[in-house]
Amino acid sequence: MRVRLLASALGAEIQGIDLSQPLPASTVEELQSAWSQHLVLLFRGQRLSPEQLIRFSACFGPLERHDNYLGELRYAEYPELLRVKTTVVAGRRVTFGQQWHSDLSYTLRPALGSVLHCLAIPDVGGDTLFANMIAAYDALSPTMQRIVEDLECVHDYSFGKAHRDGSPEHLAAARQRNPPVIQKVVRAHPGTGRKAIFVNEWASSRIVGMTNEEGRGLIDFLCRHSTREEFTFRQTWRVGDVLMWDNRATVHMALADYPDDAIREMMRTSISGEPFGRPLVAAAA
């Protein structure tokens, strides 16, 4: 197994491993160590069946069954898999991840990580950006670190721009599938103990205990700060790529900079995380 750095902030390519084959425990341990250090791992030239992708992903923890996603975005025969492809749902074009976000941050069990396998990519465009939220926290001034340390933020699935032009019925259905939750603005990584900013522009709607004007200003600053170029890595996809990221310490965004008729298709698994956050309704009550 060989490790090649992809960027200064985060990201490493792992060479010399065939993910289509079962991995020995010693290799999984090496990968886990590399993942903790680099947060994003890339494996080039892989050709995985759905079963093989599921088997590899499960080396790192139990997998989500994606019950909170629309049926059109899932594989009926493989509940562990998401279909990452532009899809028309109820007459609306749904494209994954066009804002900075952390997978399932709007639930009480944010994903530990995700694994994405590239099946088709446009001739140009369709890259994915990642940002290191640990490095972003470390770069805050000590005063700002003290300010945000104990704050909480509402994460609302329906807050993202993909839902802003939806009908009241559409928004109500989205919230019913994913009721808003309260998360800490700063979370300690369970594996390393290092602190990371845990807000994102897709789901973080307001700061608990602040006016909207106060809270939005702080959220907008944290989102701009944490996605500065020096904290980021840009993945330019090739068919056969497998990429995994630590969702607790990164945010990511898929770029929709390709024609509507171009095909960008991937399979994704989500590794279940530990319980985190609390319900908004219960907190309000």
C-alpha atoms as a PDB file:
ATOM      1  CA  MET A   1       0.000   0.000   0.000  1.00  0.00           C
ATOM      2  CA  ARG A   2       1.377   3.386  -1.026  1.00  0.00           C
ATOM      3  CA  VAL A   3       0.111   6.832   0.024  1.00  0.00           C
ATOM      4  CA  ARG A   4       0.448   9.892  -2.232  1.00  0.00           C
ATOM      5  CA  LEU A   5      -0.629  13.313  -0.967  1.00  0.00           C
ATOM      6  CA  LEU A   6      -3.154  15.144  -3.134  1.00  0.00           C
ATOM      7  CA  ALA A   7      -3.243  18.557  -1.410  1.00  0.00           C
ATOM      8  CA  SER A   8      -1.720  20.316   1.569  1.00  0.00           C
ATOM      9  CA  ALA A   9      -4.986  20.652   3.475  1.00  0.00           C
ATOM     10  CA  LEU A  10      -6.401  17.137   3.072  1.00  0.00           C
ATOM     11  CA  GLY A  11      -6.609  14.238   0.665  1.00  0.00           C
ATOM     12  CA  ALA A  12      -4.371  11.290  -0.246  1.00  0.00           C
ATOM     13  CA  GLU A  13      -4.364   8.710  -3.021  1.00  0.00           C
ATOM     14  CA  ILE A  14      -4.011   5.084  -1.909  1.00  0.00           C
ATOM     15  CA  GLN A  15      -2.177   2.927  -4.458  1.00  0.00           C
ATOM     16  CA  GLY A  16      -1.629  -0.801  -4.679  1.00  0.00           C
ATOM     17  CA  ILE A  17      -4.996  -2.050  -3.365  1.00  0.00           C
ATOM     18  CA  ASP A  18      -7.743  -3.871  -5.278  1.00  0.00           C
ATOM     19  CA  LEU A  19     -11.012  -3.011  -3.546  1.00  0.00           C
ATOM     20  CA  SER A  20     -12.906  -5.699  -5.448  1.00  0.00           C
ATOM     21  CA  GLN A  21     -11.220  -8.281  -3.217  1.00  0.00           C
ATOM     22  CA  PRO A  22     -11.868  -8.825   0.513  1.00  0.00           C
ATOM     23  CA  LEU A  23      -9.319  -6.856   2.556  1.00  0.00           C
ATOM     24  CA  PRO A  24      -7.364  -8.377   5.459  1.00  0.00           C
ATOM     25  CA  ALA A  25      -7.783  -6.753   8.865  1.00  0.00           C
ATOM     26  CA  SER A  26      -4.222  -5.385   8.767  1.00  0.00           C
ATOM     27  CA  THR A  27      -4.958  -3.475   5.533  1.00  0.00           C
ATOM     28  CA  VAL A  28      -8.190  -2.065   6.965  1.00  0.00           C
ATOM     29  CA  GLU A  29      -6.222  -0.831   9.985  1.00  0.00           C
ATOM     30  CA  GLU A  30      -3.698   0.875   7.701  1.00  0.00           C
ATOM     31  CA  LEU A  31      -6.508   2.507   5.742  1.00  0.00           C
ATOM     32  CA  GLN A  32      -8.218   3.641   8.934  1.00  0.00           C
ATOM     33  CA  SER A  33      -4.979   5.288  10.082  1.00  0.00           C
ATOM     34  CA  ALA A  34      -4.495   7.014   6.719  1.00  0.00           C
ATOM     35  CA  TRP A  35      -8.121   8.135   6.732  1.00  0.00           C
ATOM     36  CA  SER A  36      -7.795   9.691  10.193  1.00  0.00           C
ATOM     37  CA  GLN A  37      -4.724  11.608   9.019  1.00  0.00           C
ATOM     38  CA  HIS A  38      -5.834  12.728   5.545  1.00  0.00           C
ATOM     39  CA  LEU A  39      -9.677  12.785   5.898  1.00  0.00           C
ATOM     40  CA  VAL A  40     -10.191  12.047   2.172  1.00  0.00           C
ATOM     41  CA  LEU A  41      -8.833   8.893   0.498  1.00  0.00           C
ATOM     42  CA  LEU A  42      -8.855   8.248  -3.262  1.00  0.00           C
ATOM     43  CA  PHE A  43      -8.500   4.880  -4.995  1.00  0.00           C
ATOM     44  CA  ARG A  44      -8.053   5.047  -8.791  1.00  0.00           C
ATOM     45  CA  GLY A  45      -8.907   2.399 -11.372  1.00  0.00           C
ATOM     46  CA  GLN A  46     -11.449   0.375  -9.401  1.00  0.00           C
ATOM     47  CA  ARG A  47     -14.365  -1.476 -11.025  1.00  0.00           C
ATOM     48  CA  LEU A  48     -16.756  -2.451  -8.256  1.00  0.00           C
ATOM     49  CA  SER A  49     -20.127  -4.137  -8.320  1.00  0.00           C
ATOM     50  CA  PRO A  50     -22.757  -2.866  -5.878  1.00  0.00           C
ATOM     51  CA  GLU A  51     -21.995  -5.837  -3.611  1.00  0.00           C
ATOM     52  CA  GLN A  52     -18.267  -5.108  -3.651  1.00  0.00           C
ATOM     53  CA  LEU A  53     -18.755  -1.417  -2.847  1.00  0.00           C
ATOM     54  CA  ILE A  54     -21.031  -2.343   0.050  1.00  0.00           C
ATOM     55  CA  ARG A  55     -18.525  -4.913   1.350  1.00  0.00           C
ATOM     56  CA  PHE A  56     -15.628  -2.437   1.230  1.00  0.00           C
ATOM     57  CA  SER A  57     -17.617   0.357   2.878  1.00  0.00           C
ATOM     58  CA  ALA A  58     -18.767  -1.950   5.682  1.00  0.00           C
ATOM     59  CA  CYS A  59     -15.124  -2.430   6.724  1.00  0.00           C
ATOM     60  CA  PHE A  60     -15.410   0.969   8.436  1.00  0.00           C
ATOM     61  CA  GLY A  61     -18.754   0.606  10.196  1.00  0.00           C
ATOM     62  CA  PRO A  62     -22.438  -0.209   9.741  1.00  0.00           C
ATOM     63  CA  LEU A  63     -24.047   1.364   6.676  1.00  0.00           C
ATOM     64  CA  GLU A  64     -27.063   3.633   6.395  1.00  0.00           C
ATOM     65  CA  ARG A  65     -30.143   2.277   4.621  1.00  0.00           C
ATOM     66  CA  HIS A  66     -31.156   5.774   3.448  1.00  0.00           C
ATOM     67  CA  ASP A  67     -34.784   5.562   4.543  1.00  0.00           C
ATOM     68  CA  ASN A  68     -34.973   9.364   4.696  1.00  0.00           C
ATOM     69  CA  TYR A  69     -34.200   9.716   0.961  1.00  0.00           C
ATOM     70  CA  LEU A  70     -36.757   9.673  -1.829  1.00  0.00           C
ATOM     71  CA  GLY A  71     -37.210   6.297  -3.483  1.00  0.00           C
ATOM     72  CA  GLU A  72     -36.057   7.667  -6.859  1.00  0.00           C
ATOM     73  CA  LEU A  73     -32.605   8.304  -5.373  1.00  0.00           C
ATOM     74  CA  ARG A  74     -32.097   4.780  -4.020  1.00  0.00           C
ATOM     75  CA  TYR A  75     -31.474   1.320  -5.432  1.00  0.00           C
ATOM     76  CA  ALA A  76     -34.510  -0.810  -4.581  1.00  0.00           C
ATOM     77  CA  GLU A  77     -32.430  -3.982  -4.354  1.00  0.00           C
ATOM     78  CA  TYR A  78     -29.583  -2.338  -2.370  1.00  0.00           C
ATOM     79  CA  PRO A  79     -30.869  -0.074   0.425  1.00  0.00           C
ATOM     80  CA  GLU A  80     -27.258   0.707   1.404  1.00  0.00           C
ATOM     81  CA  LEU A  81     -26.675   2.443  -1.942  1.00  0.00           C
ATOM     82  CA  LEU A  82     -27.656   5.911  -3.124  1.00  0.00           C
ATOM     83  CA  ARG A  83     -27.929   6.781  -6.826  1.00  0.00           C
ATOM     84  CA  VAL A  84     -25.927  10.006  -7.220  1.00  0.00           C
ATOM     85  CA  LYS A  85     -27.278  11.180 -10.539  1.00  0.00           C
ATOM     86  CA  THR A  86     -29.460  14.044 -11.738  1.00  0.00           C
ATOM     87  CA  THR A  87     -33.004  12.719 -11.379  1.00  0.00           C
ATOM     88  CA  VAL A  88     -36.455  14.135 -12.079  1.00  0.00           C
ATOM     89  CA  VAL A  89     -38.684  13.722  -9.013  1.00  0.00           C
ATOM     90  CA  ALA A  90     -42.310  14.898  -9.157  1.00  0.00           C
ATOM     91  CA  GLY A  91     -41.458  17.120 -12.116  1.00  0.00           C
ATOM     92  CA  ARG A  92     -38.444  18.730 -10.379  1.00  0.00           C
ATOM     93  CA  ARG A  93     -34.813  18.198 -11.432  1.00  0.00           C
ATOM     94  CA  VAL A  94     -32.822  16.968  -8.418  1.00  0.00           C
ATOM     95  CA  THR A  95     -29.027  17.262  -8.537  1.00  0.00           C
ATOM     96  CA  PHE A  96     -26.965  16.200  -5.538  1.00  0.00           C
ATOM     97  CA  GLY A  97     -24.873  18.462  -3.350  1.00  0.00           C
ATOM     98  CA  GLN A  98     -24.571  21.841  -5.070  1.00  0.00           C
ATOM     99  CA  GLN A  99     -23.858  23.634  -1.790  1.00  0.00           C
ATOM    100  CA  TRP A 100     -21.208  23.011   0.825  1.00  0.00           C
ATOM    101  CA  HIS A 101     -22.583  20.426   3.250  1.00  0.00           C
ATOM    102  CA  SER A 102     -21.882  17.553   5.608  1.00  0.00           C
ATOM    103  CA  ASP A 103     -23.888  14.390   4.914  1.00  0.00           C
ATOM    104  CA  LEU A 104     -26.861  13.913   7.239  1.00  0.00           C
ATOM    105  CA  SER A 105     -25.871  16.809   9.516  1.00  0.00           C
ATOM    106  CA  TYR A 106     -29.618  17.543   9.645  1.00  0.00           C
ATOM    107  CA  THR A 107     -30.279  14.226  11.442  1.00  0.00           C
ATOM    108  CA  LEU A 108     -29.567  12.951  14.949  1.00  0.00           C
ATOM    109  CA  ARG A 109     -26.975  10.552  13.525  1.00  0.00           C
ATOM    110  CA  PRO A 110     -24.758  12.451  11.054  1.00  0.00           C
ATOM    111  CA  ALA A 111     -22.813  10.111   8.804  1.00  0.00           C
ATOM    112  CA  LEU A 112     -19.384   9.002  10.003  1.00  0.00           C
ATOM    113  CA  GLY A 113     -18.255   8.997   6.395  1.00  0.00           C
ATOM    114  CA  SER A 114     -19.270   8.287   2.825  1.00  0.00           C
ATOM    115  CA  VAL A 115     -17.825   6.264  -0.060  1.00  0.00           C
ATOM    116  CA  LEU A 116     -18.449   7.301  -3.666  1.00  0.00           C
ATOM    117  CA  HIS A 117     -17.735   5.190  -6.778  1.00  0.00           C
ATOM    118  CA  CYS A 118     -17.638   6.968 -10.144  1.00  0.00           C
ATOM    119  CA  LEU A 119     -19.530   5.211 -12.968  1.00  0.00           C
ATOM    120  CA  ALA A 120     -19.806   8.011 -15.557  1.00  0.00           C
ATOM    121  CA  ILE A 121     -18.522  11.569 -15.769  1.00  0.00           C
ATOM    122  CA  PRO A 122     -18.993  14.453 -18.259  1.00  0.00           C
ATOM    123  CA  ASP A 123     -16.195  15.280 -20.689  1.00  0.00           C
ATOM    124  CA  VAL A 124     -15.561  18.411 -18.619  1.00  0.00           C
ATOM    125  CA  GLY A 125     -16.836  19.540 -15.228  1.00  0.00           C
ATOM    126  CA  GLY A 126     -18.462  17.659 -12.399  1.00  0.00           C
ATOM    127  CA  ASP A 127     -15.609  17.968  -9.886  1.00  0.00           C
ATOM    128  CA  THR A 128     -16.196  17.717  -6.123  1.00  0.00           C
ATOM    129  CA  LEU A 129     -14.648  20.111  -3.595  1.00  0.00           C
ATOM    130  CA  PHE A 130     -13.734  19.157  -0.016  1.00  0.00           C
ATOM    131  CA  ALA A 131     -12.735  21.367   2.919  1.00  0.00           C
ATOM    132  CA  ASN A 132     -10.913  20.497   6.144  1.00  0.00           C
ATOM    133  CA  MET A 133     -13.041  21.749   9.056  1.00  0.00           C
ATOM    134  CA  ILE A 134     -10.372  20.884  11.639  1.00  0.00           C
ATOM    135  CA  ALA A 135      -7.851  23.122   9.896  1.00  0.00           C
ATOM    136  CA  ALA A 136     -10.534  25.811   9.604  1.00  0.00           C
ATOM    137  CA  TYR A 137     -11.204  25.681  13.361  1.00  0.00           C
ATOM    138  CA  ASP A 138      -7.485  25.786  14.173  1.00  0.00           C
ATOM    139  CA  ALA A 139      -7.128  28.914  12.022  1.00  0.00           C
ATOM    140  CA  LEU A 140      -9.751  30.851  13.990  1.00  0.00           C
ATOM    141  CA  SER A 141      -8.448  33.391  16.475  1.00  0.00           C
ATOM    142  CA  PRO A 142      -8.495  32.255  20.121  1.00  0.00           C
ATOM    143  CA  THR A 143     -11.213  34.848  20.772  1.00  0.00           C
ATOM    144  CA  MET A 144     -13.456  33.462  18.007  1.00  0.00           C
ATOM    145  CA  GLN A 145     -12.805  29.912  19.198  1.00  0.00           C
ATOM    146  CA  ARG A 146     -14.104  30.906  22.649  1.00  0.00           C
ATOM    147  CA  ILE A 147     -17.168  32.591  21.102  1.00  0.00           C
ATOM    148  CA  VAL A 148     -18.254  29.558  19.050  1.00  0.00           C
ATOM    149  CA  GLU A 149     -17.170  26.827  21.473  1.00  0.00           C
ATOM    150  CA  ASP A 150     -20.502  26.396  23.268  1.00  0.00           C
ATOM    151  CA  LEU A 151     -22.910  27.655  20.597  1.00  0.00           C
ATOM    152  CA  GLU A 152     -25.572  25.489  18.951  1.00  0.00           C
ATOM    153  CA  CYS A 153     -27.029  25.706  15.460  1.00  0.00           C
ATOM    154  CA  VAL A 154     -30.276  24.534  13.867  1.00  0.00           C
ATOM    155  CA  HIS A 155     -29.701  22.178  10.925  1.00  0.00           C
ATOM    156  CA  ASP A 156     -32.704  22.104   8.594  1.00  0.00           C
ATOM    157  CA  TYR A 157     -32.771  19.861   5.498  1.00  0.00           C
ATOM    158  CA  SER A 158     -35.270  22.165   3.783  1.00  0.00           C
ATOM    159  CA  PHE A 159     -33.071  25.265   4.227  1.00  0.00           C
ATOM    160  CA  GLY A 160     -30.876  24.469   1.208  1.00  0.00           C
ATOM    161  CA  LYS A 161     -31.314  26.306  -2.083  1.00  0.00           C
ATOM    162  CA  ALA A 162     -32.589  23.140  -3.777  1.00  0.00           C
ATOM    163  CA  HIS A 163     -35.767  23.485  -1.707  1.00  0.00           C
ATOM    164  CA  ARG A 164     -36.264  27.247  -1.770  1.00  0.00           C
ATOM    165  CA  ASP A 165     -38.463  27.270  -4.852  1.00  0.00           C
ATOM    166  CA  GLY A 166     -40.502  24.270  -3.730  1.00  0.00           C
ATOM    167  CA  SER A 167     -44.203  24.361  -2.981  1.00  0.00           C
ATOM    168  CA  PRO A 168     -45.406  24.428   0.637  1.00  0.00           C
ATOM    169  CA  GLU A 169     -46.393  20.779   0.202  1.00  0.00           C
ATOM    170  CA  HIS A 170     -42.891  19.898  -1.035  1.00  0.00           C
ATOM    171  CA  LEU A 171     -41.230  21.666   1.919  1.00  0.00           C
ATOM    172  CA  ALA A 172     -43.607  20.052   4.407  1.00  0.00           C
ATOM    173  CA  ALA A 173     -42.825  16.599   3.009  1.00  0.00           C
ATOM    174  CA  ALA A 174     -39.060  17.288   3.147  1.00  0.00           C
ATOM    175  CA  ARG A 175     -39.318  18.369   6.782  1.00  0.00           C
ATOM    176  CA  GLN A 176     -41.460  15.391   7.668  1.00  0.00           C
ATOM    177  CA  ARG A 177     -38.775  13.053   6.332  1.00  0.00           C
ATOM    178  CA  ASN A 178     -36.038  15.069   8.040  1.00  0.00           C
ATOM    179  CA  PRO A 179     -37.242  17.138  11.014  1.00  0.00           C
ATOM    180  CA  PRO A 180     -34.836  19.986  11.965  1.00  0.00           C
ATOM    181  CA  VAL A 181     -32.286  19.239  14.691  1.00  0.00           C
ATOM    182  CA  ILE A 182     -29.900  21.194  16.898  1.00  0.00           C
ATOM    183  CA  GLN A 183     -26.164  20.539  16.561  1.00  0.00           C
ATOM    184  CA  LYS A 184     -23.087  21.989  18.231  1.00  0.00           C
ATOM    185  CA  VAL A 185     -21.235  24.597  16.192  1.00  0.00           C
ATOM    186  CA  VAL A 186     -17.966  22.918  17.179  1.00  0.00           C
ATOM    187  CA  ARG A 187     -17.611  19.158  17.589  1.00  0.00           C
ATOM    188  CA  ALA A 188     -14.665  17.090  18.764  1.00  0.00           C
ATOM    189  CA  HIS A 189     -13.665  14.300  16.399  1.00  0.00           C
ATOM    190  CA  PRO A 190     -14.408  11.002  18.175  1.00  0.00           C
ATOM    191  CA  GLY A 191     -11.235   9.376  16.855  1.00  0.00           C
ATOM    192  CA  THR A 192      -8.658  12.112  17.409  1.00  0.00           C
ATOM    193  CA  GLY A 193     -10.320  14.551  19.809  1.00  0.00           C
ATOM    194  CA  ARG A 194      -9.445  17.450  17.498  1.00  0.00           C
ATOM    195  CA  LYS A 195     -12.098  20.170  17.192  1.00  0.00           C
ATOM    196  CA  ALA A 196     -13.859  20.931  13.918  1.00  0.00           C
ATOM    197  CA  ILE A 197     -16.362  23.554  12.786  1.00  0.00           C
ATOM    198  CA  PHE A 198     -19.714  21.828  12.245  1.00  0.00           C
ATOM    199  CA  VAL A 199     -21.805  24.272  10.230  1.00  0.00           C
ATOM    200  CA  ASN A 200     -22.504  24.325   6.507  1.00  0.00           C
ATOM    201  CA  GLU A 201     -24.273  26.558   4.020  1.00  0.00           C
ATOM    202  CA  TRP A 202     -26.849  23.953   2.964  1.00  0.00           C
ATOM    203  CA  ALA A 203     -28.414  23.071   6.312  1.00  0.00           C
ATOM    204  CA  SER A 204     -27.293  25.531   9.012  1.00  0.00           C
ATOM    205  CA  SER A 205     -30.207  27.935   9.311  1.00  0.00           C
ATOM    206  CA  ARG A 206     -29.757  29.822  12.599  1.00  0.00           C
ATOM    207  CA  ILE A 207     -27.831  30.009  15.869  1.00  0.00           C
ATOM    208  CA  VAL A 208     -29.784  29.018  18.974  1.00  0.00           C
ATOM    209  CA  GLY A 209     -30.242  31.988  21.333  1.00  0.00           C
ATOM    210  CA  MET A 210     -29.313  34.651  18.757  1.00  0.00           C
ATOM    211  CA  THR A 211     -31.428  36.887  16.577  1.00  0.00           C
ATOM    212  CA  ASN A 212     -31.533  35.947  12.909  1.00  0.00           C
ATOM    213  CA  GLU A 213     -29.365  38.955  12.034  1.00  0.00           C
ATOM    214  CA  GLU A 214     -26.728  38.005  14.627  1.00  0.00           C
ATOM    215  CA  GLY A 215     -26.767  34.298  13.849  1.00  0.00           C
ATOM    216  CA  ARG A 216     -26.748  34.578  10.054  1.00  0.00           C
ATOM    217  CA  GLY A 217     -23.748  36.862  10.202  1.00  0.00           C
ATOM    218  CA  LEU A 218     -21.828  34.326  12.264  1.00  0.00           C
ATOM    219  CA  ILE A 219     -22.881  31.318  10.161  1.00  0.00           C
ATOM    220  CA  ASP A 220     -22.008  33.112   6.931  1.00  0.00           C
ATOM    221  CA  PHE A 221     -18.586  34.024   8.302  1.00  0.00           C
ATOM    222  CA  LEU A 222     -17.861  30.446   9.427  1.00  0.00           C
ATOM    223  CA  CYS A 223     -18.960  29.039   6.045  1.00  0.00           C
ATOM    224  CA  ARG A 224     -16.775  31.506   4.115  1.00  0.00           C
ATOM    225  CA  HIS A 225     -13.822  31.001   6.451  1.00  0.00           C
ATOM    226  CA  SER A 226     -13.921  27.191   6.434  1.00  0.00           C
ATOM    227  CA  THR A 227     -14.036  26.896   2.628  1.00  0.00           C
ATOM    228  CA  ARG A 228     -11.096  29.188   1.898  1.00  0.00           C
ATOM    229  CA  GLU A 229      -8.791  27.772  -0.780  1.00  0.00           C
ATOM    230  CA  GLU A 230      -6.029  26.827   1.656  1.00  0.00           C
ATOM    231  CA  PHE A 231      -8.377  24.416   3.469  1.00  0.00           C
ATOM    232  CA  THR A 232      -9.616  22.627   0.340  1.00  0.00           C
ATOM    233  CA  PHE A 233      -8.966  19.748  -2.063  1.00  0.00           C
ATOM    234  CA  ARG A 234     -10.551  19.418  -5.524  1.00  0.00           C
ATOM    235  CA  GLN A 235     -11.383  15.942  -6.841  1.00  0.00           C
ATOM    236  CA  THR A 236     -11.364  15.691 -10.638  1.00  0.00           C
ATOM    237  CA  TRP A 237     -13.146  12.413 -11.293  1.00  0.00           C
ATOM    238  CA  ARG A 238     -12.230   9.521 -13.531  1.00  0.00           C
ATOM    239  CA  VAL A 239     -14.466   6.547 -14.208  1.00  0.00           C
ATOM    240  CA  GLY A 240     -13.483   3.837 -11.722  1.00  0.00           C
ATOM    241  CA  ASP A 241     -12.508   6.221  -8.920  1.00  0.00           C
ATOM    242  CA  VAL A 242     -13.525   5.307  -5.387  1.00  0.00           C
ATOM    243  CA  LEU A 243     -13.305   8.154  -2.889  1.00  0.00           C
ATOM    244  CA  MET A 244     -14.126   8.151   0.823  1.00  0.00           C
ATOM    245  CA  TRP A 245     -14.297  11.097   3.186  1.00  0.00           C
ATOM    246  CA  ASP A 246     -14.588  11.634   6.931  1.00  0.00           C
ATOM    247  CA  ASN A 247     -17.887  13.447   7.253  1.00  0.00           C
ATOM    248  CA  ARG A 248     -17.248  14.594  10.837  1.00  0.00           C
ATOM    249  CA  ALA A 249     -14.303  16.785   9.882  1.00  0.00           C
ATOM    250  CA  THR A 250     -15.049  17.876   6.302  1.00  0.00           C
ATOM    251  CA  VAL A 251     -17.674  19.539   4.139  1.00  0.00           C
ATOM    252  CA  HIS A 252     -18.003  18.990   0.404  1.00  0.00           C
ATOM    253  CA  MET A 253     -19.777  20.345  -2.663  1.00  0.00           C
ATOM    254  CA  ALA A 254     -20.412  18.844  -6.110  1.00  0.00           C
ATOM    255  CA  LEU A 255     -20.072  21.274  -9.014  1.00  0.00           C
ATOM    256  CA  ALA A 256     -22.883  21.263 -11.569  1.00  0.00           C
ATOM    257  CA  ASP A 257     -20.717  22.940 -14.218  1.00  0.00           C
ATOM    258  CA  TYR A 258     -21.675  20.594 -17.053  1.00  0.00           C
ATOM    259  CA  PRO A 259     -24.491  20.498 -19.657  1.00  0.00           C
ATOM    260  CA  ASP A 260     -27.922  19.257 -18.639  1.00  0.00           C
ATOM    261  CA  ASP A 261     -27.684  16.339 -21.065  1.00  0.00           C
ATOM    262  CA  ALA A 262     -24.251  15.199 -19.814  1.00  0.00           C
ATOM    263  CA  ILE A 263     -24.184  12.103 -17.614  1.00  0.00           C
ATOM    264  CA  ARG A 264     -22.572  12.168 -14.188  1.00  0.00           C
ATOM    265  CA  GLU A 265     -23.422   9.019 -12.236  1.00  0.00           C
ATOM    266  CA  MET A 266     -22.033   7.497  -9.065  1.00  0.00           C
ATOM    267  CA  MET A 267     -22.938   4.976  -6.381  1.00  0.00           C
ATOM    268  CA  ARG A 268     -22.652   6.076  -2.764  1.00  0.00           C
ATOM    269  CA  THR A 269     -22.691   4.431   0.621  1.00  0.00           C
ATOM    270  CA  SER A 270     -22.959   6.247   3.948  1.00  0.00           C
ATOM    271  CA  ILE A 271     -21.251   4.894   7.073  1.00  0.00           C
ATOM    272  CA  SER A 272     -23.421   5.380  10.147  1.00  0.00           C
ATOM    273  CA  GLY A 273     -22.123   7.796  12.750  1.00  0.00           C
ATOM    274  CA  GLU A 274     -22.634   8.041  16.470  1.00  0.00           C
ATOM    275  CA  PRO A 275     -25.696   9.825  17.919  1.00  0.00           C
ATOM    276  CA  PHE A 276     -25.156  13.588  17.871  1.00  0.00           C
ATOM    277  CA  GLY A 277     -27.433  16.579  18.406  1.00  0.00           C
ATOM    278  CA  ARG A 278     -30.986  16.873  19.724  1.00  0.00           C
ATOM    279  CA  PRO A 279     -34.442  17.407  18.217  1.00  0.00           C
ATOM    280  CA  LEU A 280     -35.496  21.003  17.626  1.00  0.00           C
ATOM    281  CA  VAL A 281     -39.101  20.321  18.683  1.00  0.00           C
ATOM    282  CA  ALA A 282     -38.091  18.774  21.993  1.00  0.00           C
ATOM    283  CA  ALA A 283     -35.730  21.673  22.663  1.00  0.00           C
ATOM    284  CA  ALA A 284     -38.468  24.210  21.937  1.00  0.00           C
ATOM    285  CA  ALA A 285     -40.883  22.382  24.220  1.00  0.00           C
END
